[in-house]
């Protein structure tokens, strides 16, 4: 089955949004994103709603529980279920967090992987196996974290780049996560983005966060995107091009029309950078 690639600006599909989306999907939304864990086994009305949307609109899947850096064996049975779900709904892209969330059971949080050469090899093997099972490339997302794992051989940027190179996978750039980590761990977010391998970045996220203290941001996806993150998105487009970009909003979900306004801001920036690239080509 030939699946068209994603393009443009998207919105995370949340169940609270389904009543509004049943009657009309705003033109500003080019695609939706879902976590397969939350939708694979749904039947009834929710399952029919999902099928209605996937038959008419492009989708991406962003996983929550694969635990690429976890100590327990990779859940290959789960991956086979994901593979069937992606095929059933014609979903073009599957991404996962560069983090872990399991140790003899799920921990219900995304925890940082130690930034070591040993961890690079370990995680890269698991990503390659994931790609073999799914028979497609995946993209790994830079995750937010609050306490760095000890005994690091490299910084976060070096770790992300090394894993992507050794696994030969794509990157899912979460611009808000870069901003959150830059405040919490004291680095230049623009420099971080400009040093990523642009050719591997195939997908982006932007979102809001919560400022708990001047030097502590919490990645909540529960507020509007702030101006410094919009500015960082522009820098990401300058470096990587206007790749498909999703607005994340996971709680404190406002009416659809408010979210569409932010999706339109993404699309406006994409058009601007696409025009600029064409002018200089």
Protein backbone atom coordinates (compact mmCIF):
# COMPACT_ATOMS: atom_id res chain seq x y z
CA UNK A 1 0.00 0.00 0.00
CA UNK A 2 1.37 3.40 -0.99
CA UNK A 3 0.96 5.94 1.83
CA UNK A 4 1.35 9.63 0.96
CA UNK A 5 3.91 11.45 3.13
CA UNK A 6 2.82 13.94 5.75
CA UNK A 7 2.94 17.64 5.02
CA UNK A 8 1.93 20.89 6.66
CA UNK A 9 0.59 21.56 10.15
CA UNK A 10 -1.19 19.06 12.36
CA UNK A 11 -3.01 18.66 15.66
CA UNK A 12 -2.93 15.94 18.28
CA UNK A 13 -6.25 14.08 18.27
CA UNK A 14 -7.85 14.04 21.71
CA UNK A 15 -11.19 12.49 22.57
CA UNK A 16 -12.46 15.83 23.87
CA UNK A 17 -12.16 17.18 20.33
CA UNK A 18 -14.18 14.44 18.63
CA UNK A 19 -17.63 16.09 18.95
CA UNK A 20 -16.42 19.18 17.09
CA UNK A 21 -14.44 17.16 14.53
CA UNK A 22 -17.38 14.89 13.70
CA UNK A 23 -19.17 17.79 12.09
CA UNK A 24 -16.23 19.57 10.51
CA UNK A 25 -12.43 19.31 10.30
CA UNK A 26 -11.00 22.81 9.83
CA UNK A 27 -9.02 23.29 6.64
CA UNK A 28 -6.00 24.45 8.67
CA UNK A 29 -5.43 20.90 9.98
CA UNK A 30 -3.38 18.94 7.45
CA UNK A 31 -2.98 15.84 9.63
CA UNK A 32 -3.63 14.38 13.07
CA UNK A 33 -1.40 12.52 15.50
CA UNK A 34 -2.36 9.76 17.93
CA UNK A 35 -0.62 7.51 20.42
CA UNK A 36 -1.30 3.98 19.14
CA UNK A 37 -1.49 2.66 22.71
CA UNK A 38 -4.61 4.77 23.27
CA UNK A 39 -6.45 3.77 20.09
CA UNK A 40 -5.44 0.28 18.93
CA UNK A 41 -8.07 -1.67 20.82
CA UNK A 42 -10.95 0.78 20.66
CA UNK A 43 -14.22 -0.39 19.21
CA UNK A 44 -17.70 1.06 19.23
CA UNK A 45 -18.31 4.72 18.52
CA UNK A 46 -14.72 5.82 19.25
CA UNK A 47 -13.36 3.19 16.90
CA UNK A 48 -15.78 4.29 14.18
CA UNK A 49 -14.81 7.93 14.72
CA UNK A 50 -11.15 7.05 14.28
CA UNK A 51 -11.84 5.08 11.12
CA UNK A 52 -13.88 7.99 9.73
CA UNK A 53 -10.95 10.36 10.29
CA UNK A 54 -8.16 8.07 9.05
CA UNK A 55 -10.10 7.41 5.84
CA UNK A 56 -10.22 11.14 5.09
CA UNK A 57 -7.11 12.64 6.67
CA UNK A 58 -3.41 11.92 7.06
CA UNK A 59 -2.18 10.61 10.43
CA UNK A 60 1.05 10.13 12.34
CA UNK A 61 1.58 7.85 15.35
CA UNK A 62 3.68 8.93 18.32
CA UNK A 63 4.34 6.09 20.74
CA UNK A 64 4.37 6.29 24.52
CA UNK A 65 5.46 2.89 25.82
CA UNK A 66 8.09 1.23 23.60
CA UNK A 67 10.80 2.17 26.13
CA UNK A 68 13.69 2.26 23.68
CA UNK A 69 16.19 2.78 26.50
CA UNK A 70 14.61 0.37 28.98
CA UNK A 71 16.40 -2.58 30.60
CA UNK A 72 13.75 -5.19 29.78
CA UNK A 73 13.58 -6.89 26.35
CA UNK A 74 11.98 -4.97 23.52
CA UNK A 75 8.24 -5.72 23.35
CA UNK A 76 8.15 -7.32 19.91
CA UNK A 77 4.57 -8.55 20.30
CA UNK A 78 3.49 -4.95 20.88
CA UNK A 79 5.44 -3.82 17.81
CA UNK A 80 3.64 -6.37 15.66
CA UNK A 81 0.32 -4.93 16.88
CA UNK A 82 1.55 -1.43 16.04
CA UNK A 83 2.60 -2.64 12.59
CA UNK A 84 -0.90 -3.96 11.94
CA UNK A 85 -2.48 -0.75 13.21
CA UNK A 86 -0.29 1.44 10.98
CA UNK A 87 -1.17 -0.70 7.96
CA UNK A 88 -4.90 -0.87 8.80
CA UNK A 89 -5.22 2.91 8.96
CA UNK A 90 -2.65 3.87 6.31
CA UNK A 91 -0.49 5.83 8.77
CA UNK A 92 2.65 7.31 7.26
CA UNK A 93 4.91 7.92 10.27
CA UNK A 94 5.72 6.28 13.60
CA UNK A 95 7.88 8.06 16.15
CA UNK A 96 8.98 7.29 19.70
CA UNK A 97 10.70 9.02 22.61
CA UNK A 98 14.42 8.69 23.15
CA UNK A 99 13.76 7.69 26.75
CA UNK A 100 12.66 4.71 28.80
CA UNK A 101 9.52 3.98 30.78
CA UNK A 102 9.80 0.38 31.94
CA UNK A 103 11.68 -1.75 34.47
CA UNK A 104 9.80 -4.94 35.34
CA UNK A 105 6.61 -3.07 34.47
CA UNK A 106 5.65 0.33 33.12
CA UNK A 107 6.74 3.34 35.16
CA UNK A 108 4.18 5.78 33.69
CA UNK A 109 6.84 8.40 33.08
CA UNK A 110 9.53 9.08 30.48
CA UNK A 111 12.96 8.87 32.09
CA UNK A 112 16.32 9.97 30.65
CA UNK A 113 18.80 7.49 29.23
CA UNK A 114 22.42 7.94 30.43
CA UNK A 115 24.37 9.87 27.81
CA UNK A 116 27.07 7.20 27.37
CA UNK A 117 28.65 5.35 24.47
CA UNK A 118 27.35 2.06 25.90
CA UNK A 119 23.80 3.44 25.91
CA UNK A 120 24.19 4.67 22.32
CA UNK A 121 24.96 1.14 21.13
CA UNK A 122 22.22 -0.42 23.27
CA UNK A 123 19.48 1.95 22.13
CA UNK A 124 20.60 1.90 18.49
CA UNK A 125 20.30 -1.91 18.43
CA UNK A 126 16.75 -1.66 19.75
CA UNK A 127 15.83 0.99 17.19
CA UNK A 128 17.25 -1.10 14.34
CA UNK A 129 15.24 -4.10 15.56
CA UNK A 130 12.13 -1.92 15.76
CA UNK A 131 12.64 -0.78 12.17
CA UNK A 132 13.15 -4.37 11.03
CA UNK A 133 9.89 -5.48 12.64
CA UNK A 134 7.88 -2.51 11.38
CA UNK A 135 9.57 -2.66 7.95
CA UNK A 136 9.92 1.12 7.95
CA UNK A 137 12.12 3.86 9.33
CA UNK A 138 11.07 5.45 12.59
CA UNK A 139 11.90 8.85 14.04
CA UNK A 140 13.14 9.33 17.59
CA UNK A 141 12.13 12.36 19.66
CA UNK A 142 14.42 14.37 21.91
CA UNK A 143 12.76 14.09 25.31
CA UNK A 144 12.45 16.59 28.15
CA UNK A 145 14.21 15.58 31.35
CA UNK A 146 14.73 17.14 34.77
CA UNK A 147 17.65 15.24 36.32
CA UNK A 148 20.54 14.12 34.14
CA UNK A 149 21.55 10.49 34.47
CA UNK A 150 25.04 10.13 36.04
CA UNK A 151 28.32 9.11 34.37
CA UNK A 152 27.68 10.87 31.06
CA UNK A 153 30.26 10.57 28.25
CA UNK A 154 28.60 13.30 26.17
CA UNK A 155 25.92 15.97 26.26
CA UNK A 156 22.31 15.53 25.12
CA UNK A 157 22.99 16.79 21.60
CA UNK A 158 25.90 14.43 21.13
CA UNK A 159 23.82 11.53 22.43
CA UNK A 160 20.85 12.23 20.15
CA UNK A 161 23.09 12.57 17.08
CA UNK A 162 25.11 9.45 17.92
CA UNK A 163 22.01 7.29 18.39
CA UNK A 164 20.45 8.48 15.13
CA UNK A 165 23.66 7.83 13.21
CA UNK A 166 24.30 4.35 14.64
CA UNK A 167 20.66 3.28 14.30
CA UNK A 168 20.30 4.97 10.89
CA UNK A 169 16.90 6.34 11.88
CA UNK A 170 15.20 9.71 11.51
CA UNK A 171 14.75 12.47 14.07
CA UNK A 172 11.56 13.90 15.52
CA UNK A 173 12.49 17.36 16.78
CA UNK A 174 10.39 18.59 19.68
CA UNK A 175 11.12 22.33 19.73
CA UNK A 176 9.44 22.89 23.09
CA UNK A 177 11.51 20.10 24.66
CA UNK A 178 14.68 21.82 23.44
CA UNK A 179 13.51 25.07 25.02
CA UNK A 180 12.50 23.40 28.30
CA UNK A 181 15.80 21.51 28.59
CA UNK A 182 17.81 24.63 27.68
CA UNK A 183 16.32 26.52 30.64
CA UNK A 184 16.54 23.59 33.04
CA UNK A 185 20.10 22.57 32.08
CA UNK A 186 21.62 25.82 30.88
CA UNK A 187 22.44 25.59 27.18
CA UNK A 188 21.72 27.59 24.02
CA UNK A 189 18.58 26.13 22.36
CA UNK A 190 19.25 27.75 18.97
CA UNK A 191 22.76 26.26 18.88
CA UNK A 192 21.34 22.85 19.81
CA UNK A 193 18.96 22.93 16.85
CA UNK A 194 21.51 24.29 14.37
CA UNK A 195 23.90 21.43 15.19
CA UNK A 196 21.35 18.68 14.52
CA UNK A 197 21.74 16.70 11.27
CA UNK A 198 19.03 18.51 9.28
CA UNK A 199 18.70 15.70 6.75
CA UNK A 200 17.43 13.35 9.47
CA UNK A 201 14.73 15.69 10.86
CA UNK A 202 11.44 14.57 9.31
CA UNK A 203 8.90 15.75 11.90
CA UNK A 204 8.50 18.39 14.60
CA UNK A 205 6.41 19.12 17.67
CA UNK A 206 5.67 22.40 19.36
CA UNK A 207 3.74 22.86 22.59
CA UNK A 208 3.26 24.86 25.75
CA UNK A 209 4.80 24.28 29.17
CA UNK A 210 4.54 25.42 32.79
CA UNK A 211 7.08 27.75 34.43
CA UNK A 212 7.46 26.50 37.99
CA UNK A 213 10.48 28.73 38.68
CA UNK A 214 12.77 30.97 36.63
CA UNK A 215 15.14 28.05 36.11
CA UNK A 216 12.60 25.20 36.08
CA UNK A 217 10.12 24.56 33.27
CA UNK A 218 7.77 21.56 33.23
CA UNK A 219 6.84 20.06 29.86
CA UNK A 220 3.07 19.84 30.35
CA UNK A 221 1.49 20.33 26.90
CA UNK A 222 -1.17 22.15 28.87
CA UNK A 223 -0.85 25.75 27.71
CA UNK A 224 -0.46 27.86 24.61
CA UNK A 225 2.92 28.02 22.87
CA UNK A 226 4.95 30.99 24.12
CA UNK A 227 6.75 33.47 21.87
CA UNK A 228 10.32 32.23 22.54
CA UNK A 229 9.25 28.76 21.40
CA UNK A 230 7.65 30.21 18.26
CA UNK A 231 10.96 31.98 17.61
CA UNK A 232 12.82 28.70 18.09
CA UNK A 233 10.47 27.02 15.61
CA UNK A 234 11.55 29.62 13.04
CA UNK A 235 15.17 28.70 13.70
CA UNK A 236 14.29 25.01 13.25
CA UNK A 237 12.64 25.74 9.89
CA UNK A 238 15.66 27.78 8.79
CA UNK A 239 17.91 24.81 9.55
CA UNK A 240 15.74 21.82 8.62
CA UNK A 241 13.13 23.24 6.27
CA UNK A 242 9.39 23.45 6.99
CA UNK A 243 8.91 19.76 7.80
CA UNK A 244 5.50 18.52 9.05
CA UNK A 245 4.85 20.01 12.48
CA UNK A 246 2.30 19.13 15.13
CA UNK A 247 0.72 21.24 17.86
CA UNK A 248 0.56 19.19 21.07
CA UNK A 249 -2.12 19.90 23.65
CA UNK A 250 -2.81 17.12 26.14
CA UNK A 251 -4.82 18.80 28.92
CA UNK A 252 -6.50 22.11 29.72
CA UNK A 253 -7.82 21.61 26.21
CA UNK A 254 -9.57 24.75 24.91
CA UNK A 255 -12.25 24.86 22.22
CA UNK A 256 -11.10 23.60 18.83
CA UNK A 257 -11.15 27.10 17.34
CA UNK A 258 -8.40 28.22 19.75
CA UNK A 259 -6.18 25.28 18.84
CA UNK A 260 -6.79 25.92 15.15
CA UNK A 261 -5.40 29.43 15.63
CA UNK A 262 -2.10 27.95 16.81
CA UNK A 263 -2.10 25.40 13.98
CA UNK A 264 -2.54 28.29 11.56
CA UNK A 265 0.48 30.03 13.11
CA UNK A 266 2.53 26.92 12.34
CA UNK A 267 1.27 26.86 8.75
CA UNK A 268 2.02 30.57 8.26
CA UNK A 269 5.62 30.04 9.38
CA UNK A 270 5.96 27.00 7.13
CA UNK A 271 4.77 28.96 4.09
CA UNK A 272 7.16 31.82 4.89
CA UNK A 273 10.17 29.52 5.15
CA UNK A 274 9.16 27.48 2.12
CA UNK A 275 8.93 30.71 0.08
CA UNK A 276 12.31 31.89 1.39
CA UNK A 277 13.94 28.59 0.43
CA UNK A 278 12.49 28.73 -3.06
CA UNK A 279 13.75 32.29 -3.49
CA UNK A 280 17.31 31.28 -2.58
CA UNK A 281 17.33 27.94 -4.45
